[in-house]
C-alpha cells in the first residue's frame, strides 16, 4: 500500500486479484446478461463487453486485460510493476462497484 493512500477493504486479497476480477466480472455479466464466465479468462473480457456494450469503458477493458495477463506471475519484475498493477486493480474495482450499484 502506498503511504498516504487510504486502505481499501479488499487490499488483503490483492494477491488473488484474478479471483477478485473474476468475481466482479461474473456478478456484472450475471446482472446485465444473465450469464457468467465459466473460468475461461480469455473469454471474460468478451463476455463483459457483450453484457455491458459501451458501458464498459475502454480504459477498464484495458485494465482488466492487463490484470488477467499478469495473473500467473508469482513475482513482479519491479516495484513499479506491482504499483501499476495495484492502481489498475483499484480503478477497475471502483468502476465495477459503481456498476453493481446501478
PDB file of N, CA and C in Angstrom:
ATOM      1  N   UNK A   1       0.849  -1.171   0.000  1.00  0.00           N
ATOM      2  CA  UNK A   1       0.000   0.000   0.000  1.00  0.00           C
ATOM      3  C   UNK A   1       0.892   1.230   0.000  1.00  0.00           C
ATOM      4  N   UNK A   2       0.586   2.176  -0.835  1.00  0.00           N
ATOM      5  CA  UNK A   2       1.353   3.407  -0.937  1.00  0.00           C
ATOM      6  C   UNK A   2       1.056   4.293   0.271  1.00  0.00           C
ATOM      7  N   UNK A   3       2.104   4.863   0.912  1.00  0.00           N
ATOM      8  CA  UNK A   3       1.857   5.752   2.036  1.00  0.00           C
ATOM      9  C   UNK A   3       0.936   6.900   1.629  1.00  0.00           C
ATOM     10  N   UNK A   4      -0.017   7.218   2.490  1.00  0.00           N
ATOM     11  CA  UNK A   4      -0.929   8.308   2.217  1.00  0.00           C
ATOM     12  C   UNK A   4      -2.178   7.887   1.458  1.00  0.00           C
ATOM     13  N   UNK A   5      -2.190   6.683   0.898  1.00  0.00           N
ATOM     14  CA  UNK A   5      -3.368   6.208   0.187  1.00  0.00           C
ATOM     15  C   UNK A   5      -4.244   5.441   1.171  1.00  0.00           C
ATOM     16  N   UNK A   6      -5.551   5.727   1.209  1.00  0.00           N
ATOM     17  CA  UNK A   6      -6.415   5.013   2.156  1.00  0.00           C
ATOM     18  C   UNK A   6      -6.476   3.528   1.821  1.00  0.00           C
ATOM     19  N   UNK A   7      -6.559   2.718   2.845  1.00  0.00           N
ATOM     20  CA  UNK A   7      -6.637   1.267   2.669  1.00  0.00           C
ATOM     21  C   UNK A   7      -8.051   0.881   2.258  1.00  0.00           C
ATOM     22  N   UNK A   8      -8.162   0.077   1.227  1.00  0.00           N
ATOM     23  CA  UNK A   8      -9.457  -0.408   0.763  1.00  0.00           C
ATOM     24  C   UNK A   8      -9.750  -1.744   1.432  1.00  0.00           C
ATOM     25  N   UNK A   9     -11.020  -2.074   1.583  1.00  0.00           N
ATOM     26  CA  UNK A   9     -11.400  -3.292   2.289  1.00  0.00           C
ATOM     27  C   UNK A   9     -10.878  -4.557   1.628  1.00  0.00           C
ATOM     28  N   UNK A  10     -10.587  -4.523   0.343  1.00  0.00           N
ATOM     29  CA  UNK A  10     -10.182  -5.726  -0.370  1.00  0.00           C
ATOM     30  C   UNK A  10      -8.670  -5.864  -0.507  1.00  0.00           C
ATOM     31  N   UNK A  11      -7.894  -4.909  -0.022  1.00  0.00           N
ATOM     32  CA  UNK A  11      -6.445  -4.987  -0.238  1.00  0.00           C
ATOM     33  C   UNK A  11      -5.793  -6.266   0.303  1.00  0.00           C
ATOM     34  N   UNK A  12      -6.278  -6.853   1.401  1.00  0.00           N
ATOM     35  CA  UNK A  12      -5.647  -8.111   1.832  1.00  0.00           C
ATOM     36  C   UNK A  12      -5.753  -9.215   0.786  1.00  0.00           C
ATOM     37  N   UNK A  13      -6.692  -9.100  -0.132  1.00  0.00           N
ATOM     38  CA  UNK A  13      -6.882 -10.119  -1.153  1.00  0.00           C
ATOM     39  C   UNK A  13      -6.154  -9.803  -2.444  1.00  0.00           C
ATOM     40  N   UNK A  14      -5.282  -8.815  -2.406  1.00  0.00           N
ATOM     41  CA  UNK A  14      -4.605  -8.373  -3.613  1.00  0.00           C
ATOM     42  C   UNK A  14      -3.875  -9.501  -4.329  1.00  0.00           C
ATOM     43  N   UNK A  15      -3.274 -10.412  -3.579  1.00  0.00           N
ATOM     44  CA  UNK A  15      -2.530 -11.494  -4.216  1.00  0.00           C
ATOM     45  C   UNK A  15      -3.437 -12.396  -5.037  1.00  0.00           C
ATOM     46  N   UNK A  16      -4.720 -12.378  -4.751  1.00  0.00           N
ATOM     47  CA  UNK A  16      -5.683 -13.162  -5.513  1.00  0.00           C
ATOM     48  C   UNK A  16      -6.506 -12.252  -6.416  1.00  0.00           C
ATOM     49  N   UNK A  17      -5.828 -11.292  -7.034  1.00  0.00           N
ATOM     50  CA  UNK A  17      -6.536 -10.297  -7.834  1.00  0.00           C
ATOM     51  C   UNK A  17      -7.294 -10.912  -8.993  1.00  0.00           C
ATOM     52  N   UNK A  18      -6.798 -12.016  -9.541  1.00  0.00           N
ATOM     53  CA  UNK A  18      -7.530 -12.653 -10.632  1.00  0.00           C
ATOM     54  C   UNK A  18      -8.869 -13.176 -10.144  1.00  0.00           C
ATOM     55  N   UNK A  19      -8.908 -13.688  -8.900  1.00  0.00           N
ATOM     56  CA  UNK A  19     -10.172 -14.156  -8.345  1.00  0.00           C
ATOM     57  C   UNK A  19     -11.117 -12.990  -8.092  1.00  0.00           C
ATOM     58  N   UNK A  20     -10.583 -11.880  -7.612  1.00  0.00           N
ATOM     59  CA  UNK A  20     -11.398 -10.697  -7.384  1.00  0.00           C
ATOM     60  C   UNK A  20     -11.968 -10.185  -8.708  1.00  0.00           C
ATOM     61  N   UNK A  21     -11.138 -10.092  -9.720  1.00  0.00           N
ATOM     62  CA  UNK A  21     -11.606  -9.645 -11.038  1.00  0.00           C
ATOM     63  C   UNK A  21     -12.653 -10.605 -11.586  1.00  0.00           C
ATOM     64  N   UNK A  22     -12.398 -11.893 -11.453  1.00  0.00           N
ATOM     65  CA  UNK A  22     -13.333 -12.896 -11.951  1.00  0.00           C
ATOM     66  C   UNK A  22     -14.676 -12.782 -11.238  1.00  0.00           C
ATOM     67  N   UNK A  23     -14.649 -12.612  -9.933  1.00  0.00           N
ATOM     68  CA  UNK A  23     -15.879 -12.485  -9.151  1.00  0.00           C
ATOM     69  C   UNK A  23     -16.675 -11.260  -9.592  1.00  0.00           C
ATOM     70  N   UNK A  24     -16.008 -10.131  -9.741  1.00  0.00           N
ATOM     71  CA  UNK A  24     -16.696  -8.913 -10.170  1.00  0.00           C
ATOM     72  C   UNK A  24     -17.267  -9.069 -11.577  1.00  0.00           C
ATOM     73  N   UNK A  25     -16.501  -9.673 -12.462  1.00  0.00           N
ATOM     74  CA  UNK A  25     -16.980  -9.871 -13.834  1.00  0.00           C
ATOM     75  C   UNK A  25     -18.187 -10.805 -13.862  1.00  0.00           C
ATOM     76  N   UNK A  26     -18.142 -11.859 -13.066  1.00  0.00           N
ATOM     77  CA  UNK A  26     -19.283 -12.778 -13.008  1.00  0.00           C
ATOM     78  C   UNK A  26     -20.537 -12.062 -12.519  1.00  0.00           C
ATOM     79  N   UNK A  27     -20.380 -11.244 -11.493  1.00  0.00           N
ATOM     80  CA  UNK A  27     -21.537 -10.507 -10.964  1.00  0.00           C
ATOM     81  C   UNK A  27     -22.076  -9.530 -12.000  1.00  0.00           C
ATOM     82  N   UNK A  28     -21.179  -8.847 -12.701  1.00  0.00           N
ATOM     83  CA  UNK A  28     -21.620  -7.876 -13.701  1.00  0.00           C
ATOM     84  C   UNK A  28     -22.319  -8.551 -14.880  1.00  0.00           C
ATOM     85  N   UNK A  29     -21.743  -9.644 -15.381  1.00  0.00           N
ATOM     86  CA  UNK A  29     -22.358 -10.302 -16.534  1.00  0.00           C
ATOM     87  C   UNK A  29     -23.654 -10.996 -16.141  1.00  0.00           C
ATOM     88  N   UNK A  30     -23.724 -11.522 -14.928  1.00  0.00           N
ATOM     89  CA  UNK A  30     -24.981 -12.131 -14.463  1.00  0.00           C
ATOM     90  C   UNK A  30     -26.069 -11.070 -14.344  1.00  0.00           C
ATOM     91  N   UNK A  31     -25.704  -9.929 -13.826  1.00  0.00           N
ATOM     92  CA  UNK A  31     -26.672  -8.852 -13.649  1.00  0.00           C
ATOM     93  C   UNK A  31     -27.160  -8.300 -14.985  1.00  0.00           C
ATOM     94  N   UNK A  32     -26.261  -8.089 -15.920  1.00  0.00           N
ATOM     95  CA  UNK A  32     -26.607  -7.411 -17.162  1.00  0.00           C
ATOM     96  C   UNK A  32     -26.956  -8.339 -18.322  1.00  0.00           C
ATOM     97  N   UNK A  33     -26.561  -9.602 -18.223  1.00  0.00           N
ATOM     98  CA  UNK A  33     -26.801 -10.505 -19.358  1.00  0.00           C
ATOM     99  C   UNK A  33     -27.381 -11.847 -18.936  1.00  0.00           C
ATOM    100  N   UNK A  34     -27.362 -12.141 -17.647  1.00  0.00           N
ATOM    101  CA  UNK A  34     -27.870 -13.426 -17.179  1.00  0.00           C
ATOM    102  C   UNK A  34     -26.924 -14.582 -17.451  1.00  0.00           C
ATOM    103  N   UNK A  35     -25.664 -14.283 -17.706  1.00  0.00           N
ATOM    104  CA  UNK A  35     -24.642 -15.301 -17.974  1.00  0.00           C
ATOM    105  C   UNK A  35     -23.448 -15.059 -17.064  1.00  0.00           C
ATOM    106  N   UNK A  36     -22.686 -16.129 -16.821  1.00  0.00           N
ATOM    107  CA  UNK A  36     -21.418 -15.964 -16.108  1.00  0.00           C
ATOM    108  C   UNK A  36     -20.327 -16.685 -16.878  1.00  0.00           C
ATOM    109  N   UNK A  37     -19.128 -16.178 -16.721  1.00  0.00           N
ATOM    110  CA  UNK A  37     -17.964 -16.798 -17.336  1.00  0.00           C
ATOM    111  C   UNK A  37     -17.704 -18.129 -16.636  1.00  0.00           C
ATOM    112  N   UNK A  38     -17.337 -19.129 -17.399  1.00  0.00           N
ATOM    113  CA  UNK A  38     -17.099 -20.457 -16.839  1.00  0.00           C
ATOM    114  C   UNK A  38     -15.613 -20.750 -16.634  1.00  0.00           C
ATOM    115  N   UNK A  39     -14.883 -19.764 -16.120  1.00  0.00           N
ATOM    116  CA  UNK A  39     -13.485 -19.978 -15.797  1.00  0.00           C
ATOM    117  C   UNK A  39     -12.506 -19.735 -16.926  1.00  0.00           C
ATOM    118  N   UNK A  40     -12.982 -19.302 -18.062  1.00  0.00           N
ATOM    119  CA  UNK A  40     -12.113 -19.028 -19.199  1.00  0.00           C
ATOM    120  C   UNK A  40     -11.717 -17.558 -19.157  1.00  0.00           C
ATOM    121  N   UNK A  41     -10.507 -17.280 -18.653  1.00  0.00           N
ATOM    122  CA  UNK A  41     -10.072 -15.895 -18.529  1.00  0.00           C
ATOM    123  C   UNK A  41      -9.950 -15.215 -19.883  1.00  0.00           C
ATOM    124  N   UNK A  42      -9.718 -15.988 -20.919  1.00  0.00           N
ATOM    125  CA  UNK A  42      -9.618 -15.398 -22.247  1.00  0.00           C
ATOM    126  C   UNK A  42     -10.952 -14.879 -22.760  1.00  0.00           C
ATOM    127  N   UNK A  43     -12.045 -15.452 -22.277  1.00  0.00           N
ATOM    128  CA  UNK A  43     -13.373 -15.056 -22.754  1.00  0.00           C
ATOM    129  C   UNK A  43     -14.050 -14.037 -21.847  1.00  0.00           C
ATOM    130  N   UNK A  44     -13.524 -13.820 -20.652  1.00  0.00           N
ATOM    131  CA  UNK A  44     -14.215 -12.950 -19.699  1.00  0.00           C
ATOM    132  C   UNK A  44     -14.348 -11.523 -20.211  1.00  0.00           C
ATOM    133  N   UNK A  45     -13.337 -11.011 -20.860  1.00  0.00           N
ATOM    134  CA  UNK A  45     -13.397  -9.638 -21.366  1.00  0.00           C
ATOM    135  C   UNK A  45     -14.450  -9.537 -22.473  1.00  0.00           C
ATOM    136  N   UNK A  46     -14.503 -10.534 -23.356  1.00  0.00           N
ATOM    137  CA  UNK A  46     -15.500 -10.530 -24.429  1.00  0.00           C
ATOM    138  C   UNK A  46     -16.919 -10.617 -23.875  1.00  0.00           C
ATOM    139  N   UNK A  47     -17.119 -11.463 -22.867  1.00  0.00           N
ATOM    140  CA  UNK A  47     -18.440 -11.592 -22.271  1.00  0.00           C
ATOM    141  C   UNK A  47     -18.842 -10.310 -21.546  1.00  0.00           C
ATOM    142  N   UNK A  48     -17.890  -9.691 -20.871  1.00  0.00           N
ATOM    143  CA  UNK A  48     -18.179  -8.429 -20.191  1.00  0.00           C
ATOM    144  C   UNK A  48     -18.542  -7.349 -21.211  1.00  0.00           C
ATOM    145  N   UNK A  49     -17.834  -7.308 -22.323  1.00  0.00           N
ATOM    146  CA  UNK A  49     -18.138  -6.340 -23.375  1.00  0.00           C
ATOM    147  C   UNK A  49     -19.530  -6.619 -23.950  1.00  0.00           C
ATOM    148  N   UNK A  50     -19.845  -7.888 -24.167  1.00  0.00           N
ATOM    149  CA  UNK A  50     -21.167  -8.241 -24.702  1.00  0.00           C
ATOM    150  C   UNK A  50     -22.269  -7.860 -23.720  1.00  0.00           C
ATOM    151  N   UNK A  51     -22.002  -8.014 -22.441  1.00  0.00           N
ATOM    152  CA  UNK A  51     -23.008  -7.702 -21.425  1.00  0.00           C
ATOM    153  C   UNK A  51     -23.206  -6.204 -21.254  1.00  0.00           C
ATOM    154  N   UNK A  52     -22.130  -5.443 -21.303  1.00  0.00           N
ATOM    155  CA  UNK A  52     -22.212  -4.019 -20.996  1.00  0.00           C
ATOM    156  C   UNK A  52     -22.149  -3.103 -22.214  1.00  0.00           C
ATOM    157  N   UNK A  53     -21.677  -3.612 -23.325  1.00  0.00           N
ATOM    158  CA  UNK A  53     -21.566  -2.771 -24.517  1.00  0.00           C
ATOM    159  C   UNK A  53     -20.701  -1.552 -24.243  1.00  0.00           C
ATOM    160  N   UNK A  54     -21.210  -0.381 -24.613  1.00  0.00           N
ATOM    161  CA  UNK A  54     -20.439   0.855 -24.436  1.00  0.00           C
ATOM    162  C   UNK A  54     -20.335   1.308 -22.989  1.00  0.00           C
ATOM    163  N   UNK A  55     -21.056   0.641 -22.081  1.00  0.00           N
ATOM    164  CA  UNK A  55     -20.946   0.990 -20.667  1.00  0.00           C
ATOM    165  C   UNK A  55     -19.648   0.462 -20.052  1.00  0.00           C
ATOM    166  N   UNK A  56     -18.936  -0.383 -20.792  1.00  0.00           N
ATOM    167  CA  UNK A  56     -17.609  -0.829 -20.369  1.00  0.00           C
ATOM    168  C   UNK A  56     -16.604   0.121 -21.009  1.00  0.00           C
ATOM    169  N   UNK A  57     -16.047   1.035 -20.222  1.00  0.00           N
ATOM    170  CA  UNK A  57     -15.078   1.971 -20.793  1.00  0.00           C
ATOM    171  C   UNK A  57     -13.840   1.233 -21.317  1.00  0.00           C
ATOM    172  N   UNK A  58     -13.283   1.735 -22.393  1.00  0.00           N
ATOM    173  CA  UNK A  58     -12.079   1.112 -22.963  1.00  0.00           C
ATOM    174  C   UNK A  58     -10.965   1.021 -21.933  1.00  0.00           C
ATOM    175  N   UNK A  59     -10.862   2.039 -21.079  1.00  0.00           N
ATOM    176  CA  UNK A  59      -9.811   2.027 -20.060  1.00  0.00           C
ATOM    177  C   UNK A  59     -10.001   0.864 -19.084  1.00  0.00           C
ATOM    178  N   UNK A  60     -11.248   0.583 -18.694  1.00  0.00           N
ATOM    179  CA  UNK A  60     -11.490  -0.534 -17.776  1.00  0.00           C
ATOM    180  C   UNK A  60     -11.282  -1.876 -18.459  1.00  0.00           C
ATOM    181  N   UNK A  61     -11.605  -1.949 -19.737  1.00  0.00           N
ATOM    182  CA  UNK A  61     -11.314  -3.167 -20.502  1.00  0.00           C
ATOM    183  C   UNK A  61      -9.807  -3.403 -20.541  1.00  0.00           C
ATOM    184  N   UNK A  62      -9.038  -2.349 -20.775  1.00  0.00           N
ATOM    185  CA  UNK A  62      -7.571  -2.467 -20.797  1.00  0.00           C
ATOM    186  C   UNK A  62      -7.029  -2.840 -19.423  1.00  0.00           C
ATOM    187  N   UNK A  63      -7.587  -2.255 -18.363  1.00  0.00           N
ATOM    188  CA  UNK A  63      -7.163  -2.608 -17.007  1.00  0.00           C
ATOM    189  C   UNK A  63      -7.404  -4.084 -16.736  1.00  0.00           C
ATOM    190  N   UNK A  64      -8.592  -4.565 -17.079  1.00  0.00           N
ATOM    191  CA  UNK A  64      -8.927  -5.965 -16.843  1.00  0.00           C
ATOM    192  C   UNK A  64      -8.004  -6.891 -17.632  1.00  0.00           C
ATOM    193  N   UNK A  65      -7.784  -6.584 -18.895  1.00  0.00           N
ATOM    194  CA  UNK A  65      -6.889  -7.414 -19.708  1.00  0.00           C
ATOM    195  C   UNK A  65      -5.491  -7.477 -19.093  1.00  0.00           C
ATOM    196  N   UNK A  66      -4.971  -6.334 -18.676  1.00  0.00           N
ATOM    197  CA  UNK A  66      -3.627  -6.297 -18.089  1.00  0.00           C
ATOM    198  C   UNK A  66      -3.570  -7.096 -16.795  1.00  0.00           C
ATOM    199  N   UNK A  67      -4.597  -6.988 -15.968  1.00  0.00           N
ATOM    200  CA  UNK A  67      -4.627  -7.735 -14.712  1.00  0.00           C
ATOM    201  C   UNK A  67      -4.696  -9.235 -14.965  1.00  0.00           C
ATOM    202  N   UNK A  68      -5.502  -9.653 -15.917  1.00  0.00           N
ATOM    203  CA  UNK A  68      -5.625 -11.080 -16.215  1.00  0.00           C
ATOM    204  C   UNK A  68      -4.361 -11.640 -16.858  1.00  0.00           C
ATOM    205  N   UNK A  69      -3.669 -10.829 -17.642  1.00  0.00           N
ATOM    206  CA  UNK A  69      -2.416 -11.288 -18.245  1.00  0.00           C
ATOM    207  C   UNK A  69      -1.342 -11.529 -17.189  1.00  0.00           C
ATOM    208  N   UNK A  70      -1.401 -10.780 -16.101  1.00  0.00           N
ATOM    209  CA  UNK A  70      -0.411 -10.936 -15.043  1.00  0.00           C
ATOM    210  C   UNK A  70      -0.795 -11.999 -14.032  1.00  0.00           C
ATOM    211  N   UNK A  71      -1.957 -12.630 -14.172  1.00  0.00           N
ATOM    212  CA  UNK A  71      -2.477 -13.496 -13.129  1.00  0.00           C
ATOM    213  C   UNK A  71      -1.574 -14.671 -12.790  1.00  0.00           C
ATOM    214  N   UNK A  72      -0.789 -15.144 -13.734  1.00  0.00           N
ATOM    215  CA  UNK A  72       0.059 -16.299 -13.474  1.00  0.00           C
ATOM    216  C   UNK A  72       1.448 -15.941 -12.959  1.00  0.00           C
ATOM    217  N   UNK A  73       1.763 -14.660 -12.925  1.00  0.00           N
ATOM    218  CA  UNK A  73       3.086 -14.262 -12.454  1.00  0.00           C
ATOM    219  C   UNK A  73       3.152 -14.359 -10.934  1.00  0.00           C
ATOM    220  N   UNK A  74       4.203 -14.959 -10.431  1.00  0.00           N
ATOM    221  CA  UNK A  74       4.351 -15.076  -8.986  1.00  0.00           C
ATOM    222  C   UNK A  74       5.033 -13.855  -8.394  1.00  0.00           C
ATOM    223  N   UNK A  75       5.853 -13.196  -9.195  1.00  0.00           N
ATOM    224  CA  UNK A  75       6.553 -12.012  -8.716  1.00  0.00           C
ATOM    225  C   UNK A  75       6.538 -10.961  -9.805  1.00  0.00           C
ATOM    226  N   UNK A  76       6.594  -9.739  -9.393  1.00  0.00           N
ATOM    227  CA  UNK A  76       6.717  -8.650 -10.347  1.00  0.00           C
ATOM    228  C   UNK A  76       8.199  -8.389 -10.575  1.00  0.00           C
ATOM    229  N   UNK A  77       8.501  -7.886 -11.741  1.00  0.00           N
ATOM    230  CA  UNK A  77       9.892  -7.608 -12.041  1.00  0.00           C
ATOM    231  C   UNK A  77      10.392  -6.399 -11.286  1.00  0.00           C
ATOM    232  N   UNK A  78       9.505  -5.484 -10.928  1.00  0.00           N
ATOM    233  CA  UNK A  78       9.927  -4.308 -10.186  1.00  0.00           C
ATOM    234  C   UNK A  78       8.791  -3.814  -9.303  1.00  0.00           C
ATOM    235  N   UNK A  79       9.138  -2.956  -8.383  1.00  0.00           N
ATOM    236  CA  UNK A  79       8.136  -2.350  -7.517  1.00  0.00           C
ATOM    237  C   UNK A  79       7.177  -1.497  -8.351  1.00  0.00           C
ATOM    238  N   UNK A  80       7.688  -0.852  -9.396  1.00  0.00           N
ATOM    239  CA  UNK A  80       6.832  -0.050 -10.271  1.00  0.00           C
ATOM    240  C   UNK A  80       5.753  -0.908 -10.930  1.00  0.00           C
ATOM    241  N   UNK A  81       6.114  -2.130 -11.355  1.00  0.00           N
ATOM    242  CA  UNK A  81       5.133  -3.038 -11.956  1.00  0.00           C
ATOM    243  C   UNK A  81       4.045  -3.395 -10.944  1.00  0.00           C
ATOM    244  N   UNK A  82       4.458  -3.661  -9.725  1.00  0.00           N
ATOM    245  CA  UNK A  82       3.497  -4.004  -8.674  1.00  0.00           C
ATOM    246  C   UNK A  82       2.590  -2.824  -8.359  1.00  0.00           C
ATOM    247  N   UNK A  83       3.152  -1.636  -8.285  1.00  0.00           N
ATOM    248  CA  UNK A  83       2.354  -0.437  -8.007  1.00  0.00           C
ATOM    249  C   UNK A  83       1.353  -0.186  -9.128  1.00  0.00           C
ATOM    250  N   UNK A  84       1.761  -0.348 -10.366  1.00  0.00           N
ATOM    251  CA  UNK A  84       0.856  -0.123 -11.500  1.00  0.00           C
ATOM    252  C   UNK A  84      -0.269  -1.153 -11.493  1.00  0.00           C
ATOM    253  N   UNK A  85       0.055  -2.397 -11.180  1.00  0.00           N
ATOM    254  CA  UNK A  85      -0.983  -3.431 -11.113  1.00  0.00           C
ATOM    255  C   UNK A  85      -1.993  -3.102 -10.016  1.00  0.00           C
ATOM    256  N   UNK A  86      -1.522  -2.618  -8.880  1.00  0.00           N
ATOM    257  CA  UNK A  86      -2.428  -2.244  -7.797  1.00  0.00           C
ATOM    258  C   UNK A  86      -3.301  -1.066  -8.212  1.00  0.00           C
ATOM    259  N   UNK A  87      -2.734  -0.105  -8.908  1.00  0.00           N
ATOM    260  CA  UNK A  87      -3.521   1.035  -9.397  1.00  0.00           C
ATOM    261  C   UNK A  87      -4.608   0.561 -10.365  1.00  0.00           C
ATOM    262  N   UNK A  88      -4.255  -0.352 -11.270  1.00  0.00           N
ATOM    263  CA  UNK A  88      -5.243  -0.897 -12.211  1.00  0.00           C
ATOM    264  C   UNK A  88      -6.370  -1.597 -11.463  1.00  0.00           C
ATOM    265  N   UNK A  89      -5.979  -2.394 -10.462  1.00  0.00           N
ATOM    266  CA  UNK A  89      -6.964  -3.132  -9.681  1.00  0.00           C
ATOM    267  C   UNK A  89      -7.893  -2.182  -8.938  1.00  0.00           C
ATOM    268  N   UNK A  90      -7.325  -1.173  -8.294  1.00  0.00           N
ATOM    269  CA  UNK A  90      -8.152  -0.209  -7.564  1.00  0.00           C
ATOM    270  C   UNK A  90      -9.134   0.488  -8.502  1.00  0.00           C
ATOM    271  N   UNK A  91      -8.657   0.884  -9.663  1.00  0.00           N
ATOM    272  CA  UNK A  91      -9.509   1.583 -10.612  1.00  0.00           C
ATOM    273  C   UNK A  91     -10.617   0.673 -11.144  1.00  0.00           C
ATOM    274  N   UNK A  92     -10.260  -0.568 -11.484  1.00  0.00           N
ATOM    275  CA  UNK A  92     -11.253  -1.497 -12.002  1.00  0.00           C
ATOM    276  C   UNK A  92     -12.296  -1.822 -10.941  1.00  0.00           C
ATOM    277  N   UNK A  93     -11.869  -2.067  -9.712  1.00  0.00           N
ATOM    278  CA  UNK A  93     -12.812  -2.400  -8.644  1.00  0.00           C
ATOM    279  C   UNK A  93     -13.747  -1.225  -8.368  1.00  0.00           C
ATOM    280  N   UNK A  94     -13.207  -0.022  -8.317  1.00  0.00           N
ATOM    281  CA  UNK A  94     -14.047   1.161  -8.076  1.00  0.00           C
ATOM    282  C   UNK A  94     -15.098   1.292  -9.183  1.00  0.00           C
ATOM    283  N   UNK A  95     -14.702   1.106 -10.431  1.00  0.00           N
ATOM    284  CA  UNK A  95     -15.645   1.182 -11.535  1.00  0.00           C
ATOM    285  C   UNK A  95     -16.694   0.066 -11.417  1.00  0.00           C
ATOM    286  N   UNK A  96     -16.254  -1.177 -11.168  1.00  0.00           N
ATOM    287  CA  UNK A  96     -17.177  -2.309 -11.083  1.00  0.00           C
ATOM    288  C   UNK A  96     -18.175  -2.121  -9.955  1.00  0.00           C
ATOM    289  N   UNK A  97     -17.713  -1.601  -8.823  1.00  0.00           N
ATOM    290  CA  UNK A  97     -18.618  -1.366  -7.700  1.00  0.00           C
ATOM    291  C   UNK A  97     -19.724  -0.384  -8.081  1.00  0.00           C
ATOM    292  N   UNK A  98     -19.384   0.656  -8.819  1.00  0.00           N
ATOM    293  CA  UNK A  98     -20.420   1.623  -9.231  1.00  0.00           C
ATOM    294  C   UNK A  98     -21.408   0.971 -10.198  1.00  0.00           C
ATOM    295  N   UNK A  99     -20.923   0.082 -11.060  1.00  0.00           N
ATOM    296  CA  UNK A  99     -21.808  -0.601 -11.992  1.00  0.00           C
ATOM    297  C   UNK A  99     -22.770  -1.537 -11.264  1.00  0.00           C
ATOM    298  N   UNK A 100     -22.272  -2.193 -10.228  1.00  0.00           N
ATOM    299  CA  UNK A 100     -23.112  -3.128  -9.486  1.00  0.00           C
ATOM    300  C   UNK A 100     -24.189  -2.407  -8.682  1.00  0.00           C
ATOM    301  N   UNK A 101     -23.942  -1.170  -8.326  1.00  0.00           N
ATOM    302  CA  UNK A 101     -24.906  -0.396  -7.537  1.00  0.00           C
ATOM    303  C   UNK A 101     -25.971   0.281  -8.393  1.00  0.00           C
ATOM    304  N   UNK A 102     -25.804   0.250  -9.711  1.00  0.00           N
ATOM    305  CA  UNK A 102     -26.784   0.893 -10.608  1.00  0.00           C
ATOM    306  C   UNK A 102     -28.087   0.121 -10.615  1.00  0.00           C
TER     307      UNK A 102
END
